[in-house]
Amino acid sequence: MPEMWIGFNSLDRQRYWWRTGILTLALAGVMVAMSLTTHEPGKWWWVGGAGAFSVVVFLSAINSIYGQVLLTTTGLEFRTFVSSRVVPWSEVVRIEERQRVSRSGT
């Protein structure tokens, strides 16, 4: 069995980048609105928390967008920016075919 990479194609990556960008801008807008409208002394905890959450969401999205799986004769190798993991075929219970359903069909 030849080794095979599984990951997003360029069109799917672009679509997920748009979603990530919109979500990041929305979270940045919430942070700016919180910092400008709240006059409490503890507001910076909330702004800092929203900022930290934004960074985590952004890095998670990048990790998902560029993560790939390598199919080998020994098993599955999951590779992302953050981690790498090998799952032997003996631990795989089943593989399901994924189908996208939309208005125009399957």
N, C-alpha and C. Protein backbone atom coordinates (compact mmCIF):
# COMPACT_ATOMS: atom_id res chain seq x y z
N MET A 1 0.84 -1.18 0.00
CA MET A 1 0.00 0.00 0.00
C MET A 1 0.89 1.25 0.00
N PRO A 2 0.72 2.13 -0.98
CA PRO A 2 1.52 3.35 -0.98
C PRO A 2 1.03 4.31 0.10
N GLU A 3 1.96 5.13 0.61
CA GLU A 3 1.58 6.12 1.61
C GLU A 3 0.73 7.21 0.96
N MET A 4 -0.28 7.68 1.68
CA MET A 4 -1.21 8.67 1.13
C MET A 4 -1.49 9.75 2.17
N TRP A 5 -1.41 11.02 1.75
CA TRP A 5 -1.73 12.14 2.62
C TRP A 5 -3.20 12.51 2.48
N ILE A 6 -3.83 12.82 3.61
CA ILE A 6 -5.22 13.29 3.61
C ILE A 6 -5.24 14.64 4.31
N GLY A 7 -5.83 15.62 3.67
CA GLY A 7 -5.92 16.96 4.25
C GLY A 7 -6.88 17.80 3.43
N PHE A 8 -7.03 19.07 3.82
CA PHE A 8 -7.92 19.96 3.09
C PHE A 8 -7.29 20.37 1.77
N ASN A 9 -8.12 20.54 0.74
CA ASN A 9 -7.61 21.10 -0.51
C ASN A 9 -7.56 22.62 -0.37
N SER A 10 -7.04 23.30 -1.38
CA SER A 10 -6.83 24.74 -1.27
C SER A 10 -8.15 25.52 -1.15
N LEU A 11 -9.20 25.04 -1.80
CA LEU A 11 -10.50 25.72 -1.71
C LEU A 11 -11.08 25.63 -0.30
N ASP A 12 -10.98 24.45 0.31
CA ASP A 12 -11.46 24.29 1.68
C ASP A 12 -10.61 25.11 2.65
N ARG A 13 -9.29 25.15 2.44
CA ARG A 13 -8.44 25.97 3.30
C ARG A 13 -8.83 27.44 3.23
N GLN A 14 -9.10 27.91 2.01
CA GLN A 14 -9.49 29.31 1.83
C GLN A 14 -10.81 29.59 2.55
N ARG A 15 -11.76 28.68 2.44
CA ARG A 15 -13.04 28.87 3.11
C ARG A 15 -12.86 28.92 4.62
N TYR A 16 -12.04 28.03 5.18
CA TYR A 16 -11.81 28.04 6.61
C TYR A 16 -11.02 29.26 7.06
N TRP A 17 -10.13 29.79 6.20
CA TRP A 17 -9.44 31.02 6.53
C TRP A 17 -10.43 32.18 6.63
N TRP A 18 -11.42 32.22 5.73
CA TRP A 18 -12.43 33.27 5.81
C TRP A 18 -13.21 33.17 7.12
N ARG A 19 -13.61 31.96 7.48
CA ARG A 19 -14.34 31.78 8.74
C ARG A 19 -13.50 32.20 9.93
N THR A 20 -12.22 31.83 9.92
CA THR A 20 -11.33 32.19 11.01
C THR A 20 -11.14 33.69 11.08
N GLY A 21 -11.00 34.33 9.93
CA GLY A 21 -10.84 35.79 9.91
C GLY A 21 -12.06 36.51 10.44
N ILE A 22 -13.23 36.07 10.05
CA ILE A 22 -14.47 36.70 10.52
C ILE A 22 -14.62 36.51 12.03
N LEU A 23 -14.35 35.30 12.51
CA LEU A 23 -14.46 35.05 13.95
C LEU A 23 -13.43 35.87 14.73
N THR A 24 -12.22 35.98 14.22
CA THR A 24 -11.20 36.76 14.89
C THR A 24 -11.57 38.24 14.93
N LEU A 25 -12.09 38.76 13.83
CA LEU A 25 -12.54 40.16 13.82
C LEU A 25 -13.70 40.39 14.78
N ALA A 26 -14.62 39.43 14.86
CA ALA A 26 -15.74 39.57 15.79
C ALA A 26 -15.24 39.58 17.24
N LEU A 27 -14.32 38.70 17.57
CA LEU A 27 -13.78 38.69 18.94
C LEU A 27 -12.98 39.96 19.23
N ALA A 28 -12.26 40.47 18.24
CA ALA A 28 -11.53 41.73 18.43
C ALA A 28 -12.51 42.89 18.65
N GLY A 29 -13.62 42.88 17.91
CA GLY A 29 -14.65 43.90 18.11
C GLY A 29 -15.25 43.85 19.50
N VAL A 30 -15.49 42.64 20.01
CA VAL A 30 -16.00 42.50 21.38
C VAL A 30 -15.00 43.05 22.38
N MET A 31 -13.72 42.78 22.17
CA MET A 31 -12.70 43.30 23.09
C MET A 31 -12.65 44.82 23.08
N VAL A 32 -12.72 45.42 21.90
CA VAL A 32 -12.69 46.88 21.79
C VAL A 32 -13.94 47.47 22.44
N ALA A 33 -15.10 46.88 22.17
CA ALA A 33 -16.34 47.38 22.76
C ALA A 33 -16.31 47.27 24.28
N MET A 34 -15.78 46.17 24.79
CA MET A 34 -15.69 46.00 26.25
C MET A 34 -14.74 47.03 26.86
N SER A 35 -13.63 47.30 26.19
CA SER A 35 -12.66 48.23 26.77
C SER A 35 -13.16 49.67 26.71
N LEU A 36 -13.99 50.01 25.73
CA LEU A 36 -14.47 51.38 25.60
C LEU A 36 -15.73 51.66 26.41
N THR A 37 -16.56 50.68 26.64
CA THR A 37 -17.84 50.93 27.29
C THR A 37 -17.86 50.62 28.78
N THR A 38 -16.98 49.77 29.24
CA THR A 38 -16.98 49.39 30.64
C THR A 38 -16.02 50.30 31.41
N HIS A 39 -16.51 50.86 32.52
CA HIS A 39 -15.69 51.76 33.31
C HIS A 39 -15.37 51.19 34.69
N GLU A 40 -15.48 49.91 34.82
CA GLU A 40 -15.17 49.25 36.09
C GLU A 40 -13.67 49.02 36.19
N PRO A 41 -13.14 48.98 37.43
CA PRO A 41 -11.69 48.76 37.56
C PRO A 41 -11.24 47.36 37.13
N GLY A 42 -12.13 46.37 37.15
CA GLY A 42 -11.75 45.01 36.79
C GLY A 42 -11.99 44.67 35.33
N LYS A 43 -12.21 45.69 34.49
CA LYS A 43 -12.55 45.41 33.09
C LYS A 43 -11.39 44.78 32.33
N TRP A 44 -10.17 45.05 32.73
CA TRP A 44 -9.03 44.53 31.99
C TRP A 44 -8.91 43.02 32.12
N TRP A 45 -9.49 42.45 33.19
CA TRP A 45 -9.52 40.99 33.30
C TRP A 45 -10.40 40.40 32.21
N TRP A 46 -11.53 41.06 31.96
CA TRP A 46 -12.43 40.57 30.91
C TRP A 46 -11.82 40.77 29.53
N VAL A 47 -11.20 41.92 29.30
CA VAL A 47 -10.58 42.19 28.01
C VAL A 47 -9.41 41.22 27.79
N GLY A 48 -8.61 41.00 28.81
CA GLY A 48 -7.50 40.06 28.71
C GLY A 48 -7.99 38.63 28.48
N GLY A 49 -9.07 38.25 29.15
CA GLY A 49 -9.65 36.92 28.95
C GLY A 49 -10.16 36.74 27.54
N ALA A 50 -10.85 37.76 27.01
CA ALA A 50 -11.33 37.68 25.63
C ALA A 50 -10.16 37.64 24.65
N GLY A 51 -9.09 38.38 24.95
CA GLY A 51 -7.90 38.35 24.09
C GLY A 51 -7.24 36.99 24.09
N ALA A 52 -7.10 36.39 25.27
CA ALA A 52 -6.50 35.06 25.37
C ALA A 52 -7.36 34.03 24.65
N PHE A 53 -8.68 34.14 24.79
CA PHE A 53 -9.60 33.24 24.10
C PHE A 53 -9.47 33.40 22.59
N SER A 54 -9.31 34.64 22.11
CA SER A 54 -9.15 34.89 20.68
C SER A 54 -7.89 34.22 20.14
N VAL A 55 -6.80 34.31 20.89
CA VAL A 55 -5.55 33.70 20.45
C VAL A 55 -5.69 32.18 20.39
N VAL A 56 -6.35 31.59 21.39
CA VAL A 56 -6.55 30.14 21.41
C VAL A 56 -7.41 29.69 20.23
N VAL A 57 -8.48 30.42 19.96
CA VAL A 57 -9.36 30.08 18.83
C VAL A 57 -8.60 30.20 17.51
N PHE A 58 -7.82 31.25 17.35
CA PHE A 58 -7.06 31.46 16.11
C PHE A 58 -6.03 30.34 15.90
N LEU A 59 -5.27 30.01 16.93
CA LEU A 59 -4.27 28.94 16.81
C LEU A 59 -4.92 27.58 16.58
N SER A 60 -6.06 27.33 17.19
CA SER A 60 -6.77 26.08 16.97
C SER A 60 -7.25 25.97 15.53
N ALA A 61 -7.72 27.07 14.98
CA ALA A 61 -8.18 27.06 13.59
C ALA A 61 -7.02 26.81 12.63
N ILE A 62 -5.88 27.44 12.87
CA ILE A 62 -4.70 27.21 12.03
C ILE A 62 -4.28 25.75 12.13
N ASN A 63 -4.30 25.21 13.34
CA ASN A 63 -3.95 23.81 13.55
C ASN A 63 -4.88 22.88 12.77
N SER A 64 -6.16 23.19 12.75
CA SER A 64 -7.13 22.37 12.01
C SER A 64 -6.99 22.53 10.50
N ILE A 65 -6.73 23.75 10.05
CA ILE A 65 -6.65 24.01 8.61
C ILE A 65 -5.46 23.28 7.99
N TYR A 66 -4.32 23.30 8.65
CA TYR A 66 -3.11 22.73 8.06
C TYR A 66 -2.76 21.34 8.58
N GLY A 67 -3.58 20.77 9.44
CA GLY A 67 -3.33 19.42 9.92
C GLY A 67 -3.56 18.40 8.81
N GLN A 68 -2.77 17.33 8.83
CA GLN A 68 -2.90 16.29 7.81
C GLN A 68 -2.77 14.93 8.46
N VAL A 69 -3.23 13.93 7.73
CA VAL A 69 -3.11 12.54 8.17
C VAL A 69 -2.35 11.78 7.09
N LEU A 70 -1.36 11.01 7.52
CA LEU A 70 -0.60 10.17 6.60
C LEU A 70 -1.02 8.73 6.81
N LEU A 71 -1.55 8.11 5.75
CA LEU A 71 -1.91 6.70 5.80
C LEU A 71 -0.70 5.87 5.42
N THR A 72 -0.26 4.99 6.31
CA THR A 72 0.89 4.13 6.04
C THR A 72 0.49 2.68 6.25
N THR A 73 1.40 1.78 5.99
CA THR A 73 1.12 0.36 6.20
C THR A 73 1.06 0.02 7.68
N THR A 74 1.66 0.85 8.53
CA THR A 74 1.64 0.58 9.97
C THR A 74 0.46 1.22 10.69
N GLY A 75 -0.10 2.29 10.12
CA GLY A 75 -1.22 2.96 10.77
C GLY A 75 -1.45 4.36 10.25
N LEU A 76 -2.08 5.18 11.08
CA LEU A 76 -2.40 6.57 10.76
C LEU A 76 -1.45 7.47 11.52
N GLU A 77 -0.86 8.45 10.84
CA GLU A 77 0.00 9.44 11.49
C GLU A 77 -0.68 10.80 11.38
N PHE A 78 -1.16 11.32 12.50
CA PHE A 78 -1.79 12.63 12.54
C PHE A 78 -0.70 13.67 12.78
N ARG A 79 -0.62 14.66 11.91
CA ARG A 79 0.39 15.70 12.03
C ARG A 79 -0.26 17.07 12.00
N THR A 80 0.04 17.87 13.01
CA THR A 80 -0.42 19.25 13.07
C THR A 80 0.77 20.12 13.46
N PHE A 81 0.55 21.43 13.57
CA PHE A 81 1.62 22.31 14.00
C PHE A 81 2.03 22.03 15.44
N VAL A 82 1.09 21.61 16.24
CA VAL A 82 1.32 21.45 17.67
C VAL A 82 1.79 20.05 18.03
N SER A 83 1.27 19.04 17.38
CA SER A 83 1.58 17.68 17.82
C SER A 83 1.63 16.71 16.65
N SER A 84 2.08 15.52 16.98
CA SER A 84 2.10 14.42 16.03
C SER A 84 1.72 13.16 16.80
N ARG A 85 0.89 12.33 16.20
CA ARG A 85 0.39 11.15 16.90
C ARG A 85 0.25 10.00 15.90
N VAL A 86 0.62 8.81 16.33
CA VAL A 86 0.51 7.63 15.49
C VAL A 86 -0.53 6.69 16.09
N VAL A 87 -1.47 6.24 15.26
CA VAL A 87 -2.48 5.27 15.68
C VAL A 87 -2.28 4.02 14.84
N PRO A 88 -1.90 2.89 15.45
CA PRO A 88 -1.72 1.67 14.67
C PRO A 88 -3.05 1.14 14.15
N TRP A 89 -3.00 0.40 13.04
CA TRP A 89 -4.21 -0.14 12.44
C TRP A 89 -4.95 -1.08 13.39
N SER A 90 -4.24 -1.69 14.32
CA SER A 90 -4.90 -2.60 15.25
C SER A 90 -5.87 -1.87 16.19
N GLU A 91 -5.70 -0.56 16.36
CA GLU A 91 -6.59 0.22 17.22
C GLU A 91 -7.74 0.86 16.46
N VAL A 92 -7.75 0.78 15.14
CA VAL A 92 -8.81 1.37 14.32
C VAL A 92 -9.98 0.39 14.28
N VAL A 93 -11.14 0.85 14.71
CA VAL A 93 -12.33 -0.01 14.76
C VAL A 93 -13.01 -0.05 13.40
N ARG A 94 -13.27 1.14 12.83
CA ARG A 94 -13.90 1.21 11.51
C ARG A 94 -13.61 2.57 10.89
N ILE A 95 -13.77 2.63 9.60
CA ILE A 95 -13.58 3.87 8.84
C ILE A 95 -14.88 4.13 8.10
N GLU A 96 -15.44 5.31 8.31
CA GLU A 96 -16.69 5.67 7.65
C GLU A 96 -16.41 6.66 6.53
N GLU A 97 -17.17 6.56 5.47
CA GLU A 97 -17.05 7.50 4.37
C GLU A 97 -17.83 8.75 4.74
N ARG A 98 -17.21 9.89 4.58
CA ARG A 98 -17.87 11.15 4.91
C ARG A 98 -18.50 11.72 3.65
N GLN A 99 -19.76 12.14 3.77
CA GLN A 99 -20.47 12.72 2.64
C GLN A 99 -20.98 14.09 3.04
N ARG A 100 -20.85 15.01 2.11
CA ARG A 100 -21.40 16.35 2.33
C ARG A 100 -22.76 16.42 1.64
N VAL A 101 -23.74 16.87 2.38
CA VAL A 101 -25.09 16.99 1.83
C VAL A 101 -25.42 18.48 1.74
N SER A 102 -25.82 18.91 0.57
CA SER A 102 -26.23 20.29 0.36
C SER A 102 -27.51 20.32 -0.47
N ARG A 103 -27.98 21.49 -0.78
CA ARG A 103 -29.22 21.59 -1.57
C ARG A 103 -29.07 20.99 -2.95
N SER A 104 -27.83 21.06 -3.47
CA SER A 104 -27.65 20.57 -4.83
C SER A 104 -27.42 19.06 -4.89
N GLY A 105 -27.25 18.42 -3.76
CA GLY A 105 -27.09 16.96 -3.76
C GLY A 105 -26.05 16.51 -2.77
N THR A 106 -25.65 15.25 -2.89
CA THR A 106 -24.68 14.66 -1.97
C THR A 106 -23.33 14.59 -2.63
